[in-house]
Amino acid sequence: MAIITLLTDFGTVDSYVAEVKAEILSRAPDVTLVDISHDVPPGDIRAAQYLLSRAWKRFPVGTIHLAIVDPAVGTERRALAAETGAHRFLAPDNGLLSFLPLDARFVALPVPRDAAPTFHGRDVFAPAVAALASGKRLDQVGESIKQPHRSPLPTPRSQGDGVVGEVLYVDRFGTLVSNISPEMVEPGVRIRVAGTEVGPLRRTFGDAARGALVAFTGSGGTVEIAVRDGSAARLLGVGVGAEVRA
């Protein structure tokens, strides 16, 4: 029984997610559908890339990952399927899959003539997902390509005695997720975000007083900045792209 993950910016107010699931289940009724998120900010390819790059390795070998954040839907941008590490991925060719290794295999999916130009998630990607879940190979659902669009997430850089990175993502608690790994932070160094000092790395939220800023290694493996019982994004007035120094 195939596992299929879904990541979109569709939200859950409208019927879009249900229509994608209906198309998949109509063609492959025995699959297991797992929602990663449908609350990606509208059109935010970078946020989708971060979330999928974090989540996919947690799933069993053979999982199929469908990610649809597609502000250029209906244009000449390609619809892609890819394979690496015995996982398969489907997404628009807009950089969302930039975290995949260079040796990943990519194919371009055909677009049926009757596909709604504003809803390739349902009419292009969902049928391809179902075909893969039903046993089709990657080369049976699309034509091989060599140069998918790549726009990888930014990486931190060394500067003087420290490191400079940035906020990659802000979660629903207002926690600022940086791209700095804890191994890059010297013991006792005080973290700064957009010029505001946060303090040295702590273990968890409870190591700070209520309402205070705290830096720690998050569950995704990078330095995060939060406010205990509050929102770091709101308190500091910053978001994605804010400078983080360590």
C-alpha atoms as a PDB file:
ATOM      1  CA  MET A   1       0.000   0.000   0.000  1.00  0.00           C
ATOM      2  CA  ALA A   2       1.617   3.256  -1.164  1.00  0.00           C
ATOM      3  CA  ILE A   3       1.969   6.268   1.110  1.00  0.00           C
ATOM      4  CA  ILE A   4       1.417   9.654  -0.518  1.00  0.00           C
ATOM      5  CA  THR A   5       2.225  12.910   1.256  1.00  0.00           C
ATOM      6  CA  LEU A   6       0.534  16.170   0.312  1.00  0.00           C
ATOM      7  CA  LEU A   7       1.950  19.672   0.744  1.00  0.00           C
ATOM      8  CA  THR A   8       0.116  22.664  -0.731  1.00  0.00           C
ATOM      9  CA  ASP A   9      -0.806  26.302  -0.249  1.00  0.00           C
ATOM     10  CA  PHE A  10      -4.484  25.503  -0.913  1.00  0.00           C
ATOM     11  CA  GLY A  11      -5.694  25.895   2.669  1.00  0.00           C
ATOM     12  CA  THR A  12      -8.687  23.955   3.919  1.00  0.00           C
ATOM     13  CA  VAL A  13     -11.514  26.462   3.415  1.00  0.00           C
ATOM     14  CA  ASP A  14     -12.098  25.579  -0.237  1.00  0.00           C
ATOM     15  CA  SER A  15     -12.558  22.228  -1.973  1.00  0.00           C
ATOM     16  CA  TYR A  16      -9.153  22.158  -3.702  1.00  0.00           C
ATOM     17  CA  VAL A  17      -7.411  19.682  -1.391  1.00  0.00           C
ATOM     18  CA  ALA A  18     -10.446  17.390  -1.424  1.00  0.00           C
ATOM     19  CA  GLU A  19     -10.547  17.432  -5.238  1.00  0.00           C
ATOM     20  CA  VAL A  20      -6.872  16.440  -5.465  1.00  0.00           C
ATOM     21  CA  LYS A  21      -7.440  13.618  -2.988  1.00  0.00           C
ATOM     22  CA  ALA A  22     -10.577  12.520  -4.851  1.00  0.00           C
ATOM     23  CA  GLU A  23      -8.662  12.264  -8.124  1.00  0.00           C
ATOM     24  CA  ILE A  24      -5.920  10.192  -6.502  1.00  0.00           C
ATOM     25  CA  LEU A  25      -8.311   7.885  -4.656  1.00  0.00           C
ATOM     26  CA  SER A  26     -10.493   7.379  -7.735  1.00  0.00           C
ATOM     27  CA  ARG A  27      -7.473   5.957  -9.540  1.00  0.00           C
ATOM     28  CA  ALA A  28      -5.609   4.332  -6.622  1.00  0.00           C
ATOM     29  CA  PRO A  29      -8.149   3.652  -3.855  1.00  0.00           C
ATOM     30  CA  ASP A  30      -5.821   1.679  -1.573  1.00  0.00           C
ATOM     31  CA  VAL A  31      -3.237   4.397  -0.929  1.00  0.00           C
ATOM     32  CA  THR A  32      -2.621   6.130   2.379  1.00  0.00           C
ATOM     33  CA  LEU A  33      -2.743   9.934   2.148  1.00  0.00           C
ATOM     34  CA  VAL A  34      -0.769  11.976   4.678  1.00  0.00           C
ATOM     35  CA  ASP A  35      -1.096  15.762   4.900  1.00  0.00           C
ATOM     36  CA  ILE A  36       2.203  17.512   5.603  1.00  0.00           C
ATOM     37  CA  SER A  37       0.544  20.921   5.421  1.00  0.00           C
ATOM     38  CA  HIS A  38      -1.955  22.868   3.359  1.00  0.00           C
ATOM     39  CA  ASP A  39      -1.170  26.166   5.079  1.00  0.00           C
ATOM     40  CA  VAL A  40       1.959  27.139   3.177  1.00  0.00           C
ATOM     41  CA  PRO A  41       1.648  30.923   2.633  1.00  0.00           C
ATOM     42  CA  PRO A  42       0.107  31.436  -0.821  1.00  0.00           C
ATOM     43  CA  GLY A  43       2.776  31.194  -3.510  1.00  0.00           C
ATOM     44  CA  ASP A  44       5.618  30.789  -1.015  1.00  0.00           C
ATOM     45  CA  ILE A  45       7.852  28.324  -2.870  1.00  0.00           C
ATOM     46  CA  ARG A  46      10.683  28.790  -0.395  1.00  0.00           C
ATOM     47  CA  ALA A  47       8.517  27.830   2.587  1.00  0.00           C
ATOM     48  CA  ALA A  48       7.282  24.756   0.712  1.00  0.00           C
ATOM     49  CA  GLN A  49      10.851  23.759  -0.105  1.00  0.00           C
ATOM     50  CA  TYR A  50      11.854  24.094   3.545  1.00  0.00           C
ATOM     51  CA  LEU A  51       8.918  22.047   4.837  1.00  0.00           C
ATOM     52  CA  LEU A  52       9.292  19.232   2.316  1.00  0.00           C
ATOM     53  CA  SER A  53      13.079  19.078   2.700  1.00  0.00           C
ATOM     54  CA  ARG A  54      12.558  18.665   6.428  1.00  0.00           C
ATOM     55  CA  ALA A  55       9.735  16.121   6.322  1.00  0.00           C
ATOM     56  CA  TRP A  56      10.350  13.694   3.482  1.00  0.00           C
ATOM     57  CA  LYS A  57      13.149  11.630   5.026  1.00  0.00           C
ATOM     58  CA  ARG A  58      10.902  10.769   7.984  1.00  0.00           C
ATOM     59  CA  PHE A  59       8.672   8.671   5.736  1.00  0.00           C
ATOM     60  CA  PRO A  60       9.232   5.036   4.723  1.00  0.00           C
ATOM     61  CA  VAL A  61      11.133   4.112   1.598  1.00  0.00           C
ATOM     62  CA  GLY A  62       8.772   4.110  -1.371  1.00  0.00           C
ATOM     63  CA  THR A  63       6.731   7.117  -0.247  1.00  0.00           C
ATOM     64  CA  ILE A  64       5.474   9.483  -2.961  1.00  0.00           C
ATOM     65  CA  HIS A  65       5.526  13.200  -2.142  1.00  0.00           C
ATOM     66  CA  LEU A  66       3.203  15.629  -3.928  1.00  0.00           C
ATOM     67  CA  ALA A  67       3.993  19.321  -3.377  1.00  0.00           C
ATOM     68  CA  ILE A  68       1.914  21.993  -5.072  1.00  0.00           C
ATOM     69  CA  VAL A  69       2.830  25.629  -4.591  1.00  0.00           C
ATOM     70  CA  ASP A  70       2.499  26.852  -8.115  1.00  0.00           C
ATOM     71  CA  PRO A  71       2.066  30.583  -8.746  1.00  0.00           C
ATOM     72  CA  ALA A  72       2.946  30.043 -12.448  1.00  0.00           C
ATOM     73  CA  VAL A  73       0.364  27.290 -12.990  1.00  0.00           C
ATOM     74  CA  GLY A  74      -0.862  27.170 -16.586  1.00  0.00           C
ATOM     75  CA  THR A  75       2.233  28.834 -18.039  1.00  0.00           C
ATOM     76  CA  GLU A  76       5.068  27.049 -19.824  1.00  0.00           C
ATOM     77  CA  ARG A  77       6.731  26.042 -16.552  1.00  0.00           C
ATOM     78  CA  ARG A  78       7.093  22.260 -16.498  1.00  0.00           C
ATOM     79  CA  ALA A  79       5.338  19.798 -14.196  1.00  0.00           C
ATOM     80  CA  LEU A  80       7.936  17.437 -12.754  1.00  0.00           C
ATOM     81  CA  ALA A  81       8.284  14.043 -11.168  1.00  0.00           C
ATOM     82  CA  ALA A  82      11.592  12.999  -9.597  1.00  0.00           C
ATOM     83  CA  GLU A  83      13.162  10.067  -7.822  1.00  0.00           C
ATOM     84  CA  THR A  84      15.968   9.727  -5.277  1.00  0.00           C
ATOM     85  CA  GLY A  85      16.646   7.426  -2.348  1.00  0.00           C
ATOM     86  CA  ALA A  86      13.671   5.237  -3.362  1.00  0.00           C
ATOM     87  CA  HIS A  87      11.321   8.193  -2.757  1.00  0.00           C
ATOM     88  CA  ARG A  88       9.432   9.925  -5.531  1.00  0.00           C
ATOM     89  CA  PHE A  89       8.444  13.578  -5.753  1.00  0.00           C
ATOM     90  CA  LEU A  90       6.016  15.579  -7.872  1.00  0.00           C
ATOM     91  CA  ALA A  91       6.044  19.369  -8.038  1.00  0.00           C
ATOM     92  CA  PRO A  92       6.101  22.282 -10.483  1.00  0.00           C
ATOM     93  CA  ASP A  93       9.478  23.179 -11.974  1.00  0.00           C
ATOM     94  CA  ASN A  94       9.887  26.346  -9.910  1.00  0.00           C
ATOM     95  CA  GLY A  95      12.680  25.416  -7.522  1.00  0.00           C
ATOM     96  CA  LEU A  96      10.512  23.655  -4.949  1.00  0.00           C
ATOM     97  CA  LEU A  97      12.548  20.453  -5.383  1.00  0.00           C
ATOM     98  CA  SER A  98      15.945  22.188  -5.228  1.00  0.00           C
ATOM     99  CA  PHE A  99      16.879  20.250  -2.076  1.00  0.00           C
ATOM    100  CA  LEU A 100      17.083  16.999  -4.050  1.00  0.00           C
ATOM    101  CA  PRO A 101      20.625  15.803  -4.855  1.00  0.00           C
ATOM    102  CA  LEU A 102      22.168  16.505  -8.242  1.00  0.00           C
ATOM    103  CA  ASP A 103      21.941  12.836  -9.201  1.00  0.00           C
ATOM    104  CA  ALA A 104      18.160  12.710  -8.700  1.00  0.00           C
ATOM    105  CA  ARG A 105      16.233  11.577 -11.794  1.00  0.00           C
ATOM    106  CA  PHE A 106      13.672  14.022 -13.213  1.00  0.00           C
ATOM    107  CA  VAL A 107      10.928  13.691 -15.806  1.00  0.00           C
ATOM    108  CA  ALA A 108       8.519  16.267 -17.235  1.00  0.00           C
ATOM    109  CA  LEU A 109       4.866  15.257 -17.023  1.00  0.00           C
ATOM    110  CA  PRO A 110       2.550  15.645 -20.013  1.00  0.00           C
ATOM    111  CA  VAL A 111      -0.284  18.136 -19.611  1.00  0.00           C
ATOM    112  CA  PRO A 112      -3.622  16.782 -20.898  1.00  0.00           C
ATOM    113  CA  ARG A 113      -5.501  19.063 -23.254  1.00  0.00           C
ATOM    114  CA  ASP A 114      -8.519  19.105 -20.953  1.00  0.00           C
ATOM    115  CA  ALA A 115      -6.507  20.036 -17.848  1.00  0.00           C
ATOM    116  CA  ALA A 116      -7.795  23.181 -16.175  1.00  0.00           C
ATOM    117  CA  PRO A 117      -5.012  25.763 -16.672  1.00  0.00           C
ATOM    118  CA  THR A 118      -5.471  26.968 -13.100  1.00  0.00           C
ATOM    119  CA  PHE A 119      -5.616  23.534 -11.417  1.00  0.00           C
ATOM    120  CA  HIS A 120      -2.762  21.280 -12.484  1.00  0.00           C
ATOM    121  CA  GLY A 121      -2.712  19.860  -8.958  1.00  0.00           C
ATOM    122  CA  ARG A 122      -5.909  17.966  -9.717  1.00  0.00           C
ATOM    123  CA  ASP A 123      -5.628  17.453 -13.474  1.00  0.00           C
ATOM    124  CA  VAL A 124      -1.890  16.854 -14.012  1.00  0.00           C
ATOM    125  CA  PHE A 125      -0.167  15.924 -10.780  1.00  0.00           C
ATOM    126  CA  ALA A 126      -2.870  13.802  -9.110  1.00  0.00           C
ATOM    127  CA  PRO A 127      -3.207  11.355 -12.042  1.00  0.00           C
ATOM    128  CA  ALA A 128       0.589  11.011 -12.200  1.00  0.00           C
ATOM    129  CA  VAL A 129       0.743  10.351  -8.454  1.00  0.00           C
ATOM    130  CA  ALA A 130      -1.904   7.638  -8.798  1.00  0.00           C
ATOM    131  CA  ALA A 131      -0.020   6.057 -11.714  1.00  0.00           C
ATOM    132  CA  LEU A 132       3.190   5.867  -9.678  1.00  0.00           C
ATOM    133  CA  ALA A 133       1.297   4.486  -6.682  1.00  0.00           C
ATOM    134  CA  SER A 134      -0.190   1.818  -8.960  1.00  0.00           C
ATOM    135  CA  GLY A 135       3.226   0.574 -10.046  1.00  0.00           C
ATOM    136  CA  LYS A 136       4.242   2.770 -12.968  1.00  0.00           C
ATOM    137  CA  ARG A 137       7.920   3.673 -13.272  1.00  0.00           C
ATOM    138  CA  LEU A 138       9.109   7.252 -13.457  1.00  0.00           C
ATOM    139  CA  ASP A 139       9.939   6.911 -17.150  1.00  0.00           C
ATOM    140  CA  GLN A 140       6.381   5.694 -17.786  1.00  0.00           C
ATOM    141  CA  VAL A 141       4.749   8.886 -16.527  1.00  0.00           C
ATOM    142  CA  GLY A 142       6.997  11.503 -18.126  1.00  0.00           C
ATOM    143  CA  GLU A 143       9.911  12.356 -20.393  1.00  0.00           C
ATOM    144  CA  SER A 144      13.419  12.492 -18.908  1.00  0.00           C
ATOM    145  CA  ILE A 145      14.959  15.952 -18.396  1.00  0.00           C
ATOM    146  CA  LYS A 146      18.430  16.994 -17.269  1.00  0.00           C
ATOM    147  CA  GLN A 147      18.145  20.562 -15.994  1.00  0.00           C
ATOM    148  CA  PRO A 148      15.292  21.209 -13.577  1.00  0.00           C
ATOM    149  CA  HIS A 149      15.091  24.728 -12.194  1.00  0.00           C
ATOM    150  CA  ARG A 150      17.103  24.963  -8.990  1.00  0.00           C
ATOM    151  CA  SER A 151      16.836  27.712  -6.398  1.00  0.00           C
ATOM    152  CA  PRO A 152      18.277  26.242  -3.188  1.00  0.00           C
ATOM    153  CA  LEU A 153      17.680  27.739   0.219  1.00  0.00           C
ATOM    154  CA  PRO A 154      20.433  30.145   1.343  1.00  0.00           C
ATOM    155  CA  THR A 155      23.318  28.822   3.403  1.00  0.00           C
ATOM    156  CA  PRO A 156      25.182  30.590   6.255  1.00  0.00           C
ATOM    157  CA  ARG A 157      28.637  32.074   5.764  1.00  0.00           C
ATOM    158  CA  SER A 158      31.619  32.558   8.040  1.00  0.00           C
ATOM    159  CA  GLN A 159      32.471  36.146   8.954  1.00  0.00           C
ATOM    160  CA  GLY A 160      35.348  36.991  11.256  1.00  0.00           C
ATOM    161  CA  ASP A 161      35.097  34.820  14.348  1.00  0.00           C
ATOM    162  CA  GLY A 162      31.452  34.004  13.822  1.00  0.00           C
ATOM    163  CA  VAL A 163      28.820  32.987  11.317  1.00  0.00           C
ATOM    164  CA  VAL A 164      26.064  34.928   9.558  1.00  0.00           C
ATOM    165  CA  GLY A 165      22.867  33.247   8.472  1.00  0.00           C
ATOM    166  CA  GLU A 166      19.226  34.150   8.126  1.00  0.00           C
ATOM    167  CA  VAL A 167      15.700  33.142   9.051  1.00  0.00           C
ATOM    168  CA  LEU A 168      14.444  30.505   6.615  1.00  0.00           C
ATOM    169  CA  TYR A 169      10.979  29.964   8.040  1.00  0.00           C
ATOM    170  CA  VAL A 170       8.586  31.224  10.704  1.00  0.00           C
ATOM    171  CA  ASP A 171       6.347  28.594  12.253  1.00  0.00           C
ATOM    172  CA  ARG A 172       2.832  29.106  13.593  1.00  0.00           C
ATOM    173  CA  PHE A 173       4.195  29.864  17.076  1.00  0.00           C
ATOM    174  CA  GLY A 174       6.258  32.755  15.741  1.00  0.00           C
ATOM    175  CA  THR A 175       9.504  30.816  16.147  1.00  0.00           C
ATOM    176  CA  LEU A 176      12.276  31.967  13.807  1.00  0.00           C
ATOM    177  CA  VAL A 177      13.976  28.992  12.157  1.00  0.00           C
ATOM    178  CA  SER A 178      17.483  29.834  10.938  1.00  0.00           C
ATOM    179  CA  ASN A 179      19.852  28.079   8.553  1.00  0.00           C
ATOM    180  CA  ILE A 180      22.693  27.941  11.101  1.00  0.00           C
ATOM    181  CA  SER A 181      23.629  24.509  12.426  1.00  0.00           C
ATOM    182  CA  PRO A 182      24.572  24.323  16.110  1.00  0.00           C
ATOM    183  CA  GLU A 183      27.981  22.904  15.167  1.00  0.00           C
ATOM    184  CA  MET A 184      28.810  26.296  13.663  1.00  0.00           C
ATOM    185  CA  VAL A 185      28.185  28.108  16.963  1.00  0.00           C
ATOM    186  CA  GLU A 186      31.129  28.404  19.351  1.00  0.00           C
ATOM    187  CA  PRO A 187      30.327  27.613  23.016  1.00  0.00           C
ATOM    188  CA  GLY A 188      29.012  30.643  24.879  1.00  0.00           C
ATOM    189  CA  VAL A 189      28.507  32.777  21.765  1.00  0.00           C
ATOM    190  CA  ARG A 190      25.479  35.039  22.067  1.00  0.00           C
ATOM    191  CA  ILE A 191      23.015  34.795  19.198  1.00  0.00           C
ATOM    192  CA  ARG A 192      21.755  38.011  17.583  1.00  0.00           C
ATOM    193  CA  VAL A 193      18.729  38.427  15.331  1.00  0.00           C
ATOM    194  CA  ALA A 194      18.419  41.593  13.239  1.00  0.00           C
ATOM    195  CA  GLY A 195      20.718  43.327  15.725  1.00  0.00           C
ATOM    196  CA  THR A 196      18.868  42.191  18.861  1.00  0.00           C
ATOM    197  CA  GLU A 197      20.813  40.029  21.288  1.00  0.00           C
ATOM    198  CA  VAL A 198      19.074  36.788  22.229  1.00  0.00           C
ATOM    199  CA  GLY A 199      21.766  35.073  24.313  1.00  0.00           C
ATOM    200  CA  PRO A 200      23.659  31.796  24.119  1.00  0.00           C
ATOM    201  CA  LEU A 201      22.131  28.543  22.934  1.00  0.00           C
ATOM    202  CA  ARG A 202      19.834  26.897  25.482  1.00  0.00           C
ATOM    203  CA  ARG A 203      18.337  23.417  25.519  1.00  0.00           C
ATOM    204  CA  THR A 204      14.614  24.236  25.372  1.00  0.00           C
ATOM    205  CA  PHE A 205      11.928  26.869  25.953  1.00  0.00           C
ATOM    206  CA  GLY A 206      11.830  26.249  29.686  1.00  0.00           C
ATOM    207  CA  ASP A 207      15.383  27.548  30.040  1.00  0.00           C
ATOM    208  CA  ALA A 208      14.065  31.111  29.629  1.00  0.00           C
ATOM    209  CA  ALA A 209      11.686  33.178  31.699  1.00  0.00           C
ATOM    210  CA  ARG A 210       8.158  33.632  30.442  1.00  0.00           C
ATOM    211  CA  GLY A 211       8.099  36.280  27.704  1.00  0.00           C
ATOM    212  CA  ALA A 212      11.881  36.145  27.220  1.00  0.00           C
ATOM    213  CA  LEU A 213      13.778  35.382  24.032  1.00  0.00           C
ATOM    214  CA  VAL A 214      15.531  32.027  23.848  1.00  0.00           C
ATOM    215  CA  ALA A 215      17.812  30.433  21.226  1.00  0.00           C
ATOM    216  CA  PHE A 216      18.080  26.670  20.993  1.00  0.00           C
ATOM    217  CA  THR A 217      18.684  23.814  18.558  1.00  0.00           C
ATOM    218  CA  GLY A 218      15.297  23.060  17.069  1.00  0.00           C
ATOM    219  CA  SER A 219      13.912  19.678  16.144  1.00  0.00           C
ATOM    220  CA  GLY A 220      14.888  20.321  12.521  1.00  0.00           C
ATOM    221  CA  GLY A 221      18.554  20.505  13.500  1.00  0.00           C
ATOM    222  CA  THR A 222      19.218  24.235  13.145  1.00  0.00           C
ATOM    223  CA  VAL A 223      19.295  27.203  15.503  1.00  0.00           C
ATOM    224  CA  GLU A 224      15.853  28.605  16.281  1.00  0.00           C
ATOM    225  CA  ILE A 225      14.806  31.714  18.189  1.00  0.00           C
ATOM    226  CA  ALA A 226      11.586  31.795  20.147  1.00  0.00           C
ATOM    227  CA  VAL A 227       9.815  33.619  22.936  1.00  0.00           C
ATOM    228  CA  ARG A 228       8.673  31.462  25.795  1.00  0.00           C
ATOM    229  CA  ASP A 229       4.875  31.578  25.787  1.00  0.00           C
ATOM    230  CA  GLY A 230       4.977  34.163  22.998  1.00  0.00           C
ATOM    231  CA  SER A 231       6.056  34.959  19.445  1.00  0.00           C
ATOM    232  CA  ALA A 232       9.603  35.928  18.526  1.00  0.00           C
ATOM    233  CA  ALA A 233       8.430  37.152  15.116  1.00  0.00           C
ATOM    234  CA  ARG A 234       5.933  39.504  16.756  1.00  0.00           C
ATOM    235  CA  LEU A 235       8.245  40.666  19.527  1.00  0.00           C
ATOM    236  CA  LEU A 236      11.158  41.433  17.189  1.00  0.00           C
ATOM    237  CA  GLY A 237       9.066  42.503  14.215  1.00  0.00           C
ATOM    238  CA  VAL A 238      11.072  40.314  11.822  1.00  0.00           C
ATOM    239  CA  GLY A 239      10.471  37.356   9.550  1.00  0.00           C
ATOM    240  CA  VAL A 240      11.975  35.322   6.745  1.00  0.00           C
ATOM    241  CA  GLY A 241      15.285  36.769   5.587  1.00  0.00           C
ATOM    242  CA  ALA A 242      16.164  38.457   8.880  1.00  0.00           C
ATOM    243  CA  GLU A 243      19.868  38.256   9.665  1.00  0.00           C
ATOM    244  CA  VAL A 244      20.996  35.823  12.354  1.00  0.00           C
ATOM    245  CA  ARG A 245      24.531  36.096  13.775  1.00  0.00           C
ATOM    246  CA  ALA A 246      26.341  33.641  16.021  1.00  0.00           C
END
